[in-house]
C-alpha atoms as a PDB file:
ATOM      1  CA  UNK A   1      -5.528 -12.431 -13.882  1.00  0.00           C
ATOM      2  CA  UNK A   2      -2.938 -10.116 -15.056  1.00  0.00           C
ATOM      3  CA  UNK A   3       0.323  -9.426 -13.300  1.00  0.00           C
ATOM      4  CA  UNK A   4      -0.060  -6.122 -11.734  1.00  0.00           C
ATOM      5  CA  UNK A   5       2.303  -3.713 -10.203  1.00  0.00           C
ATOM      6  CA  UNK A   6       0.912  -1.864  -8.307  1.00  0.00           C
ATOM      7  CA  UNK A   7      -1.734  -4.294  -7.583  1.00  0.00           C
ATOM      8  CA  UNK A   8      -4.967  -3.089  -5.645  1.00  0.00           C
ATOM      9  CA  UNK A   9      -7.298  -6.126  -5.229  1.00  0.00           C
ATOM     10  CA  UNK A  10     -10.980  -5.663  -5.253  1.00  0.00           C
ATOM     11  CA  UNK A  11     -12.471  -7.918  -2.518  1.00  0.00           C
ATOM     12  CA  UNK A  12     -15.921  -8.570  -2.484  1.00  0.00           C
ATOM     13  CA  UNK A  13     -17.667  -9.376   0.708  1.00  0.00           C
ATOM     14  CA  UNK A  14     -20.992 -10.579  -0.570  1.00  0.00           C
ATOM     15  CA  UNK A  15     -23.870 -12.349   1.199  1.00  0.00           C
ATOM     16  CA  UNK A  16     -24.837 -16.019   1.033  1.00  0.00           C
ATOM     17  CA  UNK A  17     -26.688 -15.858  -2.244  1.00  0.00           C
ATOM     18  CA  UNK A  18     -25.334 -17.998  -5.173  1.00  0.00           C
ATOM     19  CA  UNK A  19     -25.810 -15.288  -7.908  1.00  0.00           C
ATOM     20  CA  UNK A  20     -24.003 -13.159  -8.713  1.00  0.00           C
ATOM     21  CA  UNK A  21     -20.606 -14.546  -7.972  1.00  0.00           C
ATOM     22  CA  UNK A  22     -18.963 -14.375  -5.536  1.00  0.00           C
ATOM     23  CA  UNK A  23     -20.787 -15.784  -2.556  1.00  0.00           C
ATOM     24  CA  UNK A  24     -19.115 -14.729   0.889  1.00  0.00           C
ATOM     25  CA  UNK A  25     -20.638 -13.646   4.076  1.00  0.00           C
ATOM     26  CA  UNK A  26     -23.006 -10.927   4.551  1.00  0.00           C
ATOM     27  CA  UNK A  27     -20.869  -9.390   7.353  1.00  0.00           C
ATOM     28  CA  UNK A  28     -17.092  -9.492   6.649  1.00  0.00           C
ATOM     29  CA  UNK A  29     -14.564 -10.255   9.348  1.00  0.00           C
ATOM     30  CA  UNK A  30     -12.429  -7.054  10.217  1.00  0.00           C
ATOM     31  CA  UNK A  31      -9.240  -6.780   8.317  1.00  0.00           C
ATOM     32  CA  UNK A  32      -6.246  -6.576  10.227  1.00  0.00           C
ATOM     33  CA  UNK A  33      -2.682  -6.485   9.484  1.00  0.00           C
ATOM     34  CA  UNK A  34      -3.198  -5.012   5.931  1.00  0.00           C
ATOM     35  CA  UNK A  35      -2.974  -1.828   4.204  1.00  0.00           C
ATOM     36  CA  UNK A  36      -6.156   0.373   4.612  1.00  0.00           C
ATOM     37  CA  UNK A  37      -8.556   0.130   1.559  1.00  0.00           C
ATOM     38  CA  UNK A  38      -8.320   3.092  -0.925  1.00  0.00           C
ATOM     39  CA  UNK A  39     -11.865   2.593  -2.140  1.00  0.00           C
ATOM     40  CA  UNK A  40     -14.909   0.773  -0.879  1.00  0.00           C
ATOM     41  CA  UNK A  41     -18.340   0.568  -2.348  1.00  0.00           C
ATOM     42  CA  UNK A  42     -21.542  -1.515  -2.463  1.00  0.00           C
ATOM     43  CA  UNK A  43     -23.289  -2.748  -5.432  1.00  0.00           C
ATOM     44  CA  UNK A  44     -26.578  -4.649  -4.690  1.00  0.00           C
ATOM     45  CA  UNK A  45     -25.597  -7.115  -1.861  1.00  0.00           C
ATOM     46  CA  UNK A  46     -21.905  -7.135  -2.635  1.00  0.00           C
ATOM     47  CA  UNK A  47     -19.166  -4.974  -0.846  1.00  0.00           C
ATOM     48  CA  UNK A  48     -16.119  -4.185  -2.912  1.00  0.00           C
ATOM     49  CA  UNK A  49     -12.881  -3.018  -1.437  1.00  0.00           C
ATOM     50  CA  UNK A  50      -9.556  -2.220  -3.171  1.00  0.00           C
ATOM     51  CA  UNK A  51      -6.175  -2.124  -1.439  1.00  0.00           C
ATOM     52  CA  UNK A  52      -3.075  -0.742  -3.018  1.00  0.00           C
ATOM     53  CA  UNK A  53      -0.326  -3.289  -2.632  1.00  0.00           C
ATOM     54  CA  UNK A  54       2.543  -2.698  -5.058  1.00  0.00           C
ATOM     55  CA  UNK A  55       3.998  -5.761  -6.637  1.00  0.00           C
ATOM     56  CA  UNK A  56       1.536  -8.105  -4.846  1.00  0.00           C
ATOM     57  CA  UNK A  57       1.129 -11.423  -6.771  1.00  0.00           C
ATOM     58  CA  UNK A  58      -1.955 -13.324  -7.111  1.00  0.00           C
ATOM     59  CA  UNK A  59      -1.566 -15.381  -3.994  1.00  0.00           C
ATOM     60  CA  UNK A  60      -1.002 -12.318  -1.887  1.00  0.00           C
ATOM     61  CA  UNK A  61      -4.065 -10.591  -3.330  1.00  0.00           C
ATOM     62  CA  UNK A  62      -6.294 -13.737  -2.885  1.00  0.00           C
ATOM     63  CA  UNK A  63      -4.972 -14.207   0.813  1.00  0.00           C
ATOM     64  CA  UNK A  64      -5.735 -10.503   1.598  1.00  0.00           C
ATOM     65  CA  UNK A  65      -9.279 -10.865   0.450  1.00  0.00           C
ATOM     66  CA  UNK A  66      -9.750 -14.368   2.235  1.00  0.00           C
ATOM     67  CA  UNK A  67      -8.498 -13.099   5.473  1.00  0.00           C
ATOM     68  CA  UNK A  68     -11.122 -10.236   5.187  1.00  0.00           C
ATOM     69  CA  UNK A  69     -13.973 -12.841   4.646  1.00  0.00           C
ATOM     70  CA  UNK A  70     -14.114 -12.326   0.846  1.00  0.00           C
ATOM     71  CA  UNK A  71     -12.720 -13.430  -2.381  1.00  0.00           C
ATOM     72  CA  UNK A  72     -11.291 -11.713  -5.301  1.00  0.00           C
ATOM     73  CA  UNK A  73     -14.076 -10.167  -7.456  1.00  0.00           C
ATOM     74  CA  UNK A  74     -15.573 -12.060 -10.418  1.00  0.00           C
ATOM     75  CA  UNK A  75     -17.333 -10.581 -13.464  1.00  0.00           C
ATOM     76  CA  UNK A  76     -19.285 -13.217 -14.996  1.00  0.00           C
ATOM     77  CA  UNK A  77     -21.118 -10.930 -17.393  1.00  0.00           C
ATOM     78  CA  UNK A  78     -20.750  -7.643 -19.284  1.00  0.00           C
ATOM     79  CA  UNK A  79     -23.589  -6.141 -17.070  1.00  0.00           C
ATOM     80  CA  UNK A  80     -21.675  -7.055 -13.778  1.00  0.00           C
ATOM     81  CA  UNK A  81     -18.507  -5.412 -15.045  1.00  0.00           C
ATOM     82  CA  UNK A  82     -20.118  -2.367 -16.467  1.00  0.00           C
ATOM     83  CA  UNK A  83     -21.899  -1.867 -13.169  1.00  0.00           C
ATOM     84  CA  UNK A  84     -18.591  -1.897 -11.236  1.00  0.00           C
ATOM     85  CA  UNK A  85     -16.138   0.048 -13.580  1.00  0.00           C
ATOM     86  CA  UNK A  86     -17.363   3.514 -12.884  1.00  0.00           C
ATOM     87  CA  UNK A  87     -16.289   2.982  -9.257  1.00  0.00           C
ATOM     88  CA  UNK A  88     -12.822   2.052 -10.444  1.00  0.00           C
ATOM     89  CA  UNK A  89     -12.122   5.382 -11.729  1.00  0.00           C
ATOM     90  CA  UNK A  90     -11.750   6.760  -8.335  1.00  0.00           C
ATOM     91  CA  UNK A  91      -8.746   9.288  -8.101  1.00  0.00           C
ATOM     92  CA  UNK A  92      -7.924   7.324  -4.752  1.00  0.00           C
ATOM     93  CA  UNK A  93      -6.556   4.292  -6.846  1.00  0.00           C
ATOM     94  CA  UNK A  94      -4.181   6.635  -8.946  1.00  0.00           C
ATOM     95  CA  UNK A  95      -2.270   7.894  -6.093  1.00  0.00           C
ATOM     96  CA  UNK A  96       1.253   9.221  -6.690  1.00  0.00           C
ATOM     97  CA  UNK A  97       0.471  10.063 -10.374  1.00  0.00           C
ATOM     98  CA  UNK A  98      -0.252   6.694 -11.572  1.00  0.00           C
ATOM     99  CA  UNK A  99      -1.538   6.576 -15.028  1.00  0.00           C
ATOM    100  CA  UNK A 100      -2.533   2.843 -14.994  1.00  0.00           C
ATOM    101  CA  UNK A 101      -3.696   0.419 -12.120  1.00  0.00           C
ATOM    102  CA  UNK A 102      -3.879  -3.288 -12.618  1.00  0.00           C
ATOM    103  CA  UNK A 103      -6.199  -5.127 -10.464  1.00  0.00           C
ATOM    104  CA  UNK A 104      -6.271  -8.940  -9.574  1.00  0.00           C
ATOM    105  CA  UNK A 105      -9.578 -10.602 -10.347  1.00  0.00           C
ATOM    106  CA  UNK A 106     -10.961 -14.005  -9.166  1.00  0.00           C
ATOM    107  CA  UNK A 107      -9.927 -16.175 -12.159  1.00  0.00           C
ATOM    108  CA  UNK A 108      -8.638 -19.625 -10.986  1.00  0.00           C
ATOM    109  CA  UNK A 109      -4.903 -19.684 -12.263  1.00  0.00           C
ATOM    110  CA  UNK A 110      -4.993 -23.522 -12.458  1.00  0.00           C
ATOM    111  CA  UNK A 111      -7.987 -23.836 -14.620  1.00  0.00           C
ATOM    112  CA  UNK A 112      -7.558 -24.872 -18.393  1.00  0.00           C
ATOM    113  CA  UNK A 113      -8.896 -22.228 -20.882  1.00  0.00           C
ATOM    114  CA  UNK A 114     -11.512 -20.814 -21.093  1.00  0.00           C
ATOM    115  CA  UNK A 115     -11.039 -21.259 -17.382  1.00  0.00           C
ATOM    116  CA  UNK A 116     -13.364 -20.928 -14.197  1.00  0.00           C
ATOM    117  CA  UNK A 117     -13.699 -18.052 -11.569  1.00  0.00           C
ATOM    118  CA  UNK A 118     -12.635 -18.914  -7.963  1.00  0.00           C
ATOM    119  CA  UNK A 119     -16.012 -19.731  -7.054  1.00  0.00           C
ATOM    120  CA  UNK A 120     -15.860 -22.454  -9.589  1.00  0.00           C
ATOM    121  CA  UNK A 121     -18.292 -20.957 -12.127  1.00  0.00           C
ATOM    122  CA  UNK A 122     -17.179 -21.043 -15.884  1.00  0.00           C
ATOM    123  CA  UNK A 123     -15.655 -18.200 -17.556  1.00  0.00           C
ATOM    124  CA  UNK A 124     -18.366 -17.409 -20.158  1.00  0.00           C
ATOM    125  CA  UNK A 125     -17.681 -13.794 -20.626  1.00  0.00           C
ATOM    126  CA  UNK A 126     -14.123 -11.951 -21.088  1.00  0.00           C
ATOM    127  CA  UNK A 127     -14.136  -8.244 -21.817  1.00  0.00           C
ATOM    128  CA  UNK A 128     -13.382  -7.345 -25.559  1.00  0.00           C
ATOM    129  CA  UNK A 129     -10.116  -5.627 -26.073  1.00  0.00           C
ATOM    130  CA  UNK A 130      -8.815  -6.957 -23.008  1.00  0.00           C
ATOM    131  CA  UNK A 131      -5.586  -8.923 -22.562  1.00  0.00           C
ATOM    132  CA  UNK A 132      -5.906 -12.607 -22.734  1.00  0.00           C
ATOM    133  CA  UNK A 133      -6.445 -14.612 -19.571  1.00  0.00           C
ATOM    134  CA  UNK A 134      -2.809 -15.046 -18.155  1.00  0.00           C
ATOM    135  CA  UNK A 135      -2.161 -18.550 -16.365  1.00  0.00           C
END
């Protein structure tokens, strides 16, 4: 995952099916003690939520998602990423005139290259023209 600042974290709250990744619960626990989400949307059975939290590190973003019953989003295929990307152009993410927003995604930071997602699936797709995976 990149080193974001600010760092909204998409937090999928999926249902109990193994494909596509991730595989959390069908009804997420209420999120308390956290900033309000700036965007929320559903794709198929997955619910995605992004929070703005300037300067949050990976551990903070991951914890926020976990406390809400989800995990950081994974994008195992180009199709999955392409389906979600249009939602990430929401003006709500670019508050305060931000020109760029960095998002934490669910890459296991301790896995050797090419790596694994937090749900233990191997990373077999990485977007072209993207920064290399940072460990």
